[in-house]
Amino acid sequence: MKTLDELKRFYHQVLKPDLRVLEKKRQTVLNQIIFIGAGAFSIAVIFILIFASQVHEAVPFIFFPLIIAAVITAGLGWLITRGYRSDFKMLVIERLVKFVDEDLNYDASGKIKKSEFNASKIFHTKPNVYKGDDLVYGKVGDTQVKFSEVDAKYESGSGKNKSVKQIFKGLFFIGDFNKHFAGQTFVLPDTSEKFLGKIGQAFQEWNISRPDLVKLEDPEFEREFVVYSTDQVEARYILSTSLMKRIVDFKNKTGKKVNLSFVASQVNVAVSFTKRLFEPRLFRTLLDFEPMQEYFEDLQLAVGIVEDLNLNTRIWTKQ
């Protein structure tokens, strides 16, 4: 794994010369958006003042022009920033991926396929709105991996009756486990037992949407996770004492909600994030090292799953 000192040298020697050029583009784009926004909102305010002077009673839609101005600014802003965003991904994120591991490849517009997301069976609800980007794929040591940002939702109804359910938003990782599983095992955050104790444990057992509950002899792991599997023996075989500790350590390191599944011959890991990953900050200079460190740490978190779960130790062989 690369160190922070190595990143600093890479930043100053490789990234910074191009970042100075890209920084000028960022400032130009930002000024254009500010100009468009100021013009659109000024026109909206003038329209409101003229309308208010003619109508002396409250009108529910008097501020509708401000909404139109906001939509216009956001739409034109998105068009203006497309080129800048593309340059940023190529000059910064792609290079950071190669810096982290030369055997990894990057596709800014790629993502984990919807079929792969569904095949993990981590989430029961299948999304009908599925987005993602920043696909990284290749080998880390002996392990084939791929990961990307995923935003999966289920929308139903329309108009006032429209309902949107956020299924998952964050980093979705798929790694080769070097073993074909006969069953399917799911490691999910334990929210019921943590807060409801024995009653919560009963809820876990009554979860008819999942296969059988697996009880394991690791109190720390049991406090954080609940395990379901179609094969009790295999689940205990997969979730060795060392792997359970590694999963707990990974969850504590990320400070995020973590879901895992062991299906077919893959381990799937879903790490929830509220922020967008690997996106340029328009309102912050590119010549600040701190954002580069954050991009680097997010990449290290994903690539580090291989080490965190000890996937390169080939203690099994595929059948």
Protein backbone atom coordinates (compact mmCIF):
# COMPACT_ATOMS: atom_id res chain seq x y z
CA MET A 1 0.00 0.00 0.00
CA LYS A 2 1.25 3.46 -0.88
CA THR A 3 2.08 5.84 1.97
CA LEU A 4 1.07 9.46 2.50
CA ASP A 5 4.66 10.60 1.96
CA GLU A 6 4.71 8.82 -1.42
CA LEU A 7 1.45 10.54 -2.32
CA LYS A 8 2.88 13.95 -1.45
CA ARG A 9 5.86 13.35 -3.74
CA PHE A 10 3.56 12.14 -6.51
CA TYR A 11 1.32 15.17 -6.03
CA HIS A 12 4.17 17.69 -6.31
CA GLN A 13 6.16 15.95 -9.04
CA VAL A 14 3.42 14.55 -11.30
CA LEU A 15 0.01 16.08 -10.57
CA LYS A 16 0.72 19.68 -9.66
CA PRO A 17 2.04 20.94 -13.04
CA ASP A 18 -1.19 19.87 -14.77
CA LEU A 19 -3.31 20.96 -11.81
CA ARG A 20 -2.11 24.54 -12.31
CA VAL A 21 -3.56 24.49 -15.84
CA LEU A 22 -6.75 22.77 -14.67
CA GLU A 23 -7.10 25.29 -11.84
CA LYS A 24 -7.38 28.12 -14.38
CA LYS A 25 -10.16 26.20 -16.13
CA ARG A 26 -11.94 25.69 -12.79
CA GLN A 27 -11.85 29.43 -12.09
CA THR A 28 -13.19 30.20 -15.59
CA VAL A 29 -16.03 27.69 -15.22
CA LEU A 30 -16.91 28.99 -11.76
CA ASN A 31 -17.00 32.61 -12.99
CA GLN A 32 -19.28 31.60 -15.88
CA ILE A 33 -21.70 29.86 -13.52
CA ILE A 34 -21.71 32.83 -11.13
CA PHE A 35 -22.39 35.18 -14.06
CA ILE A 36 -25.26 33.04 -15.36
CA GLY A 37 -26.73 32.62 -11.89
CA ALA A 38 -26.52 36.32 -11.09
CA GLY A 39 -28.19 37.21 -14.40
CA ALA A 40 -30.97 34.62 -14.06
CA PHE A 41 -31.81 35.57 -10.46
CA SER A 42 -31.65 39.30 -11.22
CA ILE A 43 -34.20 38.88 -14.00
CA ALA A 44 -36.36 36.74 -11.69
CA VAL A 45 -36.29 39.38 -8.93
CA ILE A 46 -37.16 42.18 -11.37
CA PHE A 47 -40.10 40.13 -12.66
CA ILE A 48 -41.31 39.50 -9.10
CA LEU A 49 -41.07 43.22 -8.17
CA ILE A 50 -42.99 44.26 -11.28
CA PHE A 51 -45.65 41.60 -10.70
CA ALA A 52 -45.95 42.47 -6.98
CA SER A 53 -46.46 46.17 -7.79
CA GLN A 54 -49.40 45.27 -10.05
CA VAL A 55 -51.02 42.70 -7.76
CA HIS A 56 -51.70 43.79 -4.17
CA GLU A 57 -52.74 40.46 -2.72
CA ALA A 58 -50.70 37.37 -1.89
CA VAL A 59 -50.18 35.10 -4.88
CA PRO A 60 -48.95 31.53 -4.14
CA PHE A 61 -46.74 31.33 -7.24
CA ILE A 62 -45.08 34.74 -7.01
CA PHE A 63 -41.69 33.16 -6.34
CA PHE A 64 -41.97 30.70 -9.23
CA PRO A 65 -39.48 32.77 -11.30
CA LEU A 66 -36.80 32.06 -8.65
CA ILE A 67 -37.35 28.34 -9.12
CA ILE A 68 -37.01 28.76 -12.90
CA ALA A 69 -33.81 30.77 -12.38
CA ALA A 70 -32.39 28.02 -10.15
CA VAL A 71 -33.24 25.32 -12.72
CA ILE A 72 -31.67 27.34 -15.56
CA THR A 73 -28.51 27.97 -13.53
CA ALA A 74 -28.20 24.30 -12.54
CA GLY A 75 -28.82 23.06 -16.09
CA LEU A 76 -26.38 25.44 -17.77
CA GLY A 77 -23.90 24.88 -14.94
CA TRP A 78 -23.98 21.14 -15.60
CA LEU A 79 -23.32 21.69 -19.32
CA ILE A 80 -20.48 24.11 -18.63
CA THR A 81 -18.75 21.82 -16.12
CA ARG A 82 -18.82 18.66 -18.26
CA GLY A 83 -15.52 19.38 -19.98
CA TYR A 84 -13.83 20.41 -16.75
CA ARG A 85 -15.12 17.31 -14.96
CA SER A 86 -13.86 15.06 -17.78
CA ASP A 87 -10.39 16.67 -17.70
CA PHE A 88 -10.28 16.30 -13.91
CA LYS A 89 -11.12 12.60 -14.06
CA MET A 90 -8.42 11.96 -16.68
CA LEU A 91 -5.67 14.09 -15.12
CA VAL A 92 -6.32 13.35 -11.45
CA ILE A 93 -8.40 10.25 -10.71
CA GLU A 94 -7.01 8.05 -13.50
CA ARG A 95 -3.46 8.91 -12.46
CA LEU A 96 -4.24 8.31 -8.79
CA VAL A 97 -5.63 4.87 -9.64
CA LYS A 98 -2.40 3.94 -11.45
CA PHE A 99 -0.38 5.42 -8.59
CA VAL A 100 -2.22 3.21 -6.09
CA ASP A 101 -1.71 0.07 -8.22
CA GLU A 102 -0.30 -0.20 -11.75
CA ASP A 103 -2.41 -3.31 -12.42
CA LEU A 104 -5.67 -1.38 -12.04
CA ASN A 105 -7.61 0.31 -14.84
CA TYR A 106 -10.05 3.20 -14.69
CA ASP A 107 -13.21 4.03 -16.64
CA ALA A 108 -14.71 7.36 -15.55
CA SER A 109 -18.13 6.60 -17.09
CA GLY A 110 -18.16 2.88 -16.25
CA LYS A 111 -19.88 1.26 -13.27
CA ILE A 112 -20.68 -2.06 -11.64
CA LYS A 113 -23.41 -3.53 -13.83
CA LYS A 114 -26.95 -3.57 -12.52
CA SER A 115 -27.02 -7.34 -13.08
CA GLU A 116 -23.90 -7.73 -10.91
CA PHE A 117 -25.42 -5.53 -8.20
CA ASN A 118 -28.59 -7.65 -8.18
CA ALA A 119 -26.63 -10.91 -8.30
CA SER A 120 -24.99 -10.04 -4.98
CA LYS A 121 -28.44 -10.42 -3.35
CA ILE A 122 -27.39 -8.06 -0.59
CA PHE A 123 -30.47 -5.92 -1.13
CA HIS A 124 -33.92 -7.44 -1.62
CA THR A 125 -35.38 -4.52 -3.55
CA LYS A 126 -34.20 -4.44 -7.15
CA PRO A 127 -33.59 -0.89 -8.40
CA ASN A 128 -35.45 0.58 -11.35
CA VAL A 129 -33.25 3.68 -11.19
CA TYR A 130 -29.58 2.71 -11.31
CA LYS A 131 -26.61 5.05 -11.74
CA GLY A 132 -22.90 4.90 -11.15
CA ASP A 133 -19.48 5.94 -12.37
CA ASP A 134 -15.75 5.74 -11.66
CA LEU A 135 -15.27 2.04 -12.38
CA VAL A 136 -11.91 0.64 -11.27
CA TYR A 137 -11.02 -2.89 -12.34
CA GLY A 138 -8.03 -5.21 -12.59
CA LYS A 139 -5.87 -7.25 -10.23
CA VAL A 140 -4.64 -6.48 -6.74
CA GLY A 141 -1.96 -9.07 -6.15
CA ASP A 142 -3.56 -12.36 -7.22
CA THR A 143 -7.14 -11.15 -6.79
CA GLN A 144 -9.40 -9.90 -9.57
CA VAL A 145 -11.41 -6.91 -8.35
CA LYS A 146 -13.78 -4.26 -9.59
CA PHE A 147 -15.51 -1.42 -7.80
CA SER A 148 -17.40 1.75 -8.57
CA GLU A 149 -19.74 4.28 -7.09
CA VAL A 150 -23.35 3.11 -7.23
CA ASP A 151 -26.60 4.97 -6.64
CA ALA A 152 -29.52 2.51 -6.65
CA LYS A 153 -33.14 3.55 -6.07
CA TYR A 154 -36.65 2.22 -6.48
CA GLU A 155 -39.23 4.71 -7.70
CA SER A 156 -42.98 4.09 -7.77
CA GLY A 157 -46.06 6.19 -8.43
CA SER A 158 -46.06 9.61 -10.03
CA GLY A 159 -46.80 13.22 -9.24
CA LYS A 160 -47.85 13.77 -5.62
CA ASN A 161 -47.96 10.01 -5.11
CA LYS A 162 -44.39 9.45 -6.26
CA SER A 163 -42.26 7.50 -3.81
CA VAL A 164 -38.48 7.12 -3.92
CA LYS A 165 -36.66 4.48 -1.88
CA GLN A 166 -32.89 4.74 -1.61
CA ILE A 167 -31.67 1.13 -1.82
CA PHE A 168 -27.96 1.88 -1.72
CA LYS A 169 -25.59 4.76 -2.30
CA GLY A 170 -21.86 4.36 -1.97
CA LEU A 171 -18.95 2.18 -3.01
CA PHE A 172 -19.73 -1.30 -4.35
CA PHE A 173 -16.83 -3.77 -4.50
CA ILE A 174 -16.64 -7.22 -6.12
CA GLY A 175 -13.65 -9.47 -5.48
CA ASP A 176 -12.72 -13.02 -6.47
CA PHE A 177 -12.75 -15.28 -3.38
CA ASN A 178 -10.97 -18.13 -5.20
CA LYS A 179 -13.64 -20.59 -4.08
CA HIS A 180 -16.96 -21.57 -5.62
CA PHE A 181 -19.61 -21.41 -2.90
CA ALA A 182 -22.28 -24.09 -2.83
CA GLY A 183 -24.54 -21.81 -0.81
CA GLN A 184 -25.10 -18.09 -0.34
CA THR A 185 -23.97 -16.27 2.80
CA PHE A 186 -24.89 -12.72 3.81
CA VAL A 187 -23.20 -10.55 6.43
CA LEU A 188 -25.44 -7.59 7.23
CA PRO A 189 -25.35 -4.78 9.82
CA ASP A 190 -27.03 -5.91 13.04
CA THR A 191 -29.38 -3.12 14.03
CA SER A 192 -32.11 -5.09 15.80
CA GLU A 193 -30.08 -7.05 18.35
CA LYS A 194 -27.80 -4.12 19.07
CA PHE A 195 -30.72 -1.96 20.19
CA LEU A 196 -33.35 -4.55 21.23
CA GLY A 197 -31.23 -7.33 22.71
CA LYS A 198 -33.01 -10.71 22.95
CA ILE A 199 -36.11 -9.31 21.27
CA GLY A 200 -33.95 -8.16 18.37
CA GLN A 201 -32.44 -11.64 18.16
CA ALA A 202 -35.93 -13.04 17.78
CA PHE A 203 -36.60 -10.58 14.93
CA GLN A 204 -33.46 -11.85 13.21
CA GLU A 205 -34.73 -15.44 13.37
CA TRP A 206 -38.17 -14.39 12.10
CA ASN A 207 -36.71 -12.68 9.02
CA ILE A 208 -38.46 -14.87 6.44
CA SER A 209 -37.00 -12.83 3.56
CA ARG A 210 -33.55 -14.25 4.35
CA PRO A 211 -32.21 -17.80 4.60
CA ASP A 212 -31.42 -19.37 7.98
CA LEU A 213 -29.81 -17.32 10.73
CA VAL A 214 -26.23 -18.38 11.53
CA LYS A 215 -25.06 -17.98 15.12
CA LEU A 216 -21.30 -17.59 15.49
CA GLU A 217 -19.03 -17.71 18.52
CA ASP A 218 -17.58 -14.22 18.29
CA PRO A 219 -19.30 -11.70 20.61
CA GLU A 220 -17.73 -8.62 18.99
CA PHE A 221 -18.69 -9.76 15.49
CA GLU A 222 -22.21 -10.69 16.67
CA ARG A 223 -22.69 -7.19 18.12
CA GLU A 224 -21.98 -5.60 14.74
CA PHE A 225 -23.33 -8.09 12.20
CA VAL A 226 -26.03 -10.65 11.59
CA VAL A 227 -25.33 -13.61 9.29
CA TYR A 228 -27.78 -15.52 7.12
CA SER A 229 -26.89 -18.45 4.89
CA THR A 230 -28.38 -21.23 2.79
CA ASP A 231 -25.56 -23.47 4.03
CA GLN A 232 -24.76 -23.34 7.77
CA VAL A 233 -21.62 -25.46 7.50
CA GLU A 234 -20.18 -23.45 4.60
CA ALA A 235 -20.98 -20.14 6.33
CA ARG A 236 -18.91 -21.18 9.35
CA TYR A 237 -16.19 -22.42 7.01
CA ILE A 238 -16.06 -19.04 5.22
CA LEU A 239 -16.38 -16.91 8.35
CA SER A 240 -13.32 -18.09 10.18
CA THR A 241 -12.28 -16.40 13.41
CA SER A 242 -9.65 -14.37 11.56
CA LEU A 243 -12.04 -13.26 8.79
CA MET A 244 -14.69 -12.18 11.32
CA LYS A 245 -12.08 -10.05 13.06
CA ARG A 246 -11.00 -8.57 9.74
CA ILE A 247 -14.59 -7.66 8.84
CA VAL A 248 -15.10 -5.95 12.23
CA ASP A 249 -11.78 -4.10 11.86
CA PHE A 250 -12.75 -2.99 8.33
CA LYS A 251 -16.13 -1.71 9.54
CA ASN A 252 -14.47 0.19 12.40
CA LYS A 253 -11.83 1.62 10.06
CA THR A 254 -14.36 2.94 7.57
CA GLY A 255 -16.89 4.14 10.14
CA LYS A 256 -19.50 3.30 7.49
CA LYS A 257 -22.40 0.90 7.15
CA VAL A 258 -20.98 -2.27 5.56
CA ASN A 259 -22.85 -5.17 3.91
CA LEU A 260 -21.21 -8.30 2.48
CA SER A 261 -22.30 -11.36 0.56
CA PHE A 262 -20.50 -14.52 -0.53
CA VAL A 263 -22.21 -15.73 -3.70
CA ALA A 264 -20.94 -17.98 -6.53
CA SER A 265 -17.18 -17.39 -6.22
CA GLN A 266 -17.22 -13.73 -5.25
CA VAL A 267 -17.29 -11.56 -2.18
CA ASN A 268 -19.44 -8.46 -2.62
CA VAL A 269 -18.93 -5.50 -0.31
CA ALA A 270 -21.28 -2.50 -0.16
CA VAL A 271 -19.91 0.47 1.79
CA SER A 272 -22.45 3.26 2.26
CA PHE A 273 -21.42 6.86 1.54
CA THR A 274 -23.54 10.02 1.58
CA LYS A 275 -20.99 12.07 -0.40
CA ARG A 276 -20.16 11.73 -4.10
CA LEU A 277 -16.85 9.97 -4.60
CA PHE A 278 -14.00 11.10 -6.88
CA GLU A 279 -15.77 14.30 -7.99
CA PRO A 280 -14.03 17.68 -8.52
CA ARG A 281 -14.83 20.45 -6.04
CA LEU A 282 -15.82 23.50 -8.05
CA PHE A 283 -15.71 25.89 -5.11
CA ARG A 284 -12.30 24.81 -3.86
CA THR A 285 -8.88 25.27 -5.40
CA LEU A 286 -7.25 22.24 -6.99
CA LEU A 287 -3.88 23.35 -5.65
CA ASP A 288 -4.84 22.30 -2.12
CA PHE A 289 -3.35 18.92 -1.16
CA GLU A 290 -6.17 17.96 1.23
CA PRO A 291 -8.76 16.99 -1.45
CA MET A 292 -6.09 14.90 -3.24
CA GLN A 293 -5.46 13.08 0.03
CA GLU A 294 -9.20 12.41 0.39
CA TYR A 295 -9.46 10.94 -3.15
CA PHE A 296 -6.39 8.82 -2.40
CA GLU A 297 -7.82 7.55 0.91
CA ASP A 298 -11.14 6.62 -0.72
CA LEU A 299 -9.24 4.62 -3.36
CA GLN A 300 -7.06 3.00 -0.71
CA LEU A 301 -10.17 2.02 1.23
CA ALA A 302 -11.56 0.15 -1.79
CA VAL A 303 -8.28 -1.44 -2.91
CA GLY A 304 -7.47 -2.25 0.73
CA ILE A 305 -10.48 -4.57 0.97
CA VAL A 306 -8.26 -7.22 -0.63
CA GLU A 307 -5.77 -6.95 2.21
CA ASP A 308 -8.40 -6.30 4.89
CA LEU A 309 -10.22 -9.53 4.00
CA ASN A 310 -6.98 -11.39 3.22
CA LEU A 311 -8.18 -12.30 -0.28
CA ASN A 312 -4.69 -12.83 -1.64
CA THR A 313 -4.04 -15.72 0.73
CA ARG A 314 -5.11 -18.64 -1.44
CA ILE A 315 -6.15 -21.09 1.27
CA TRP A 316 -8.87 -22.50 -1.02
CA THR A 317 -8.87 -23.65 -4.61
CA LYS A 318 -11.77 -23.26 -6.99
CA GLN A 319 -13.66 -26.40 -7.89
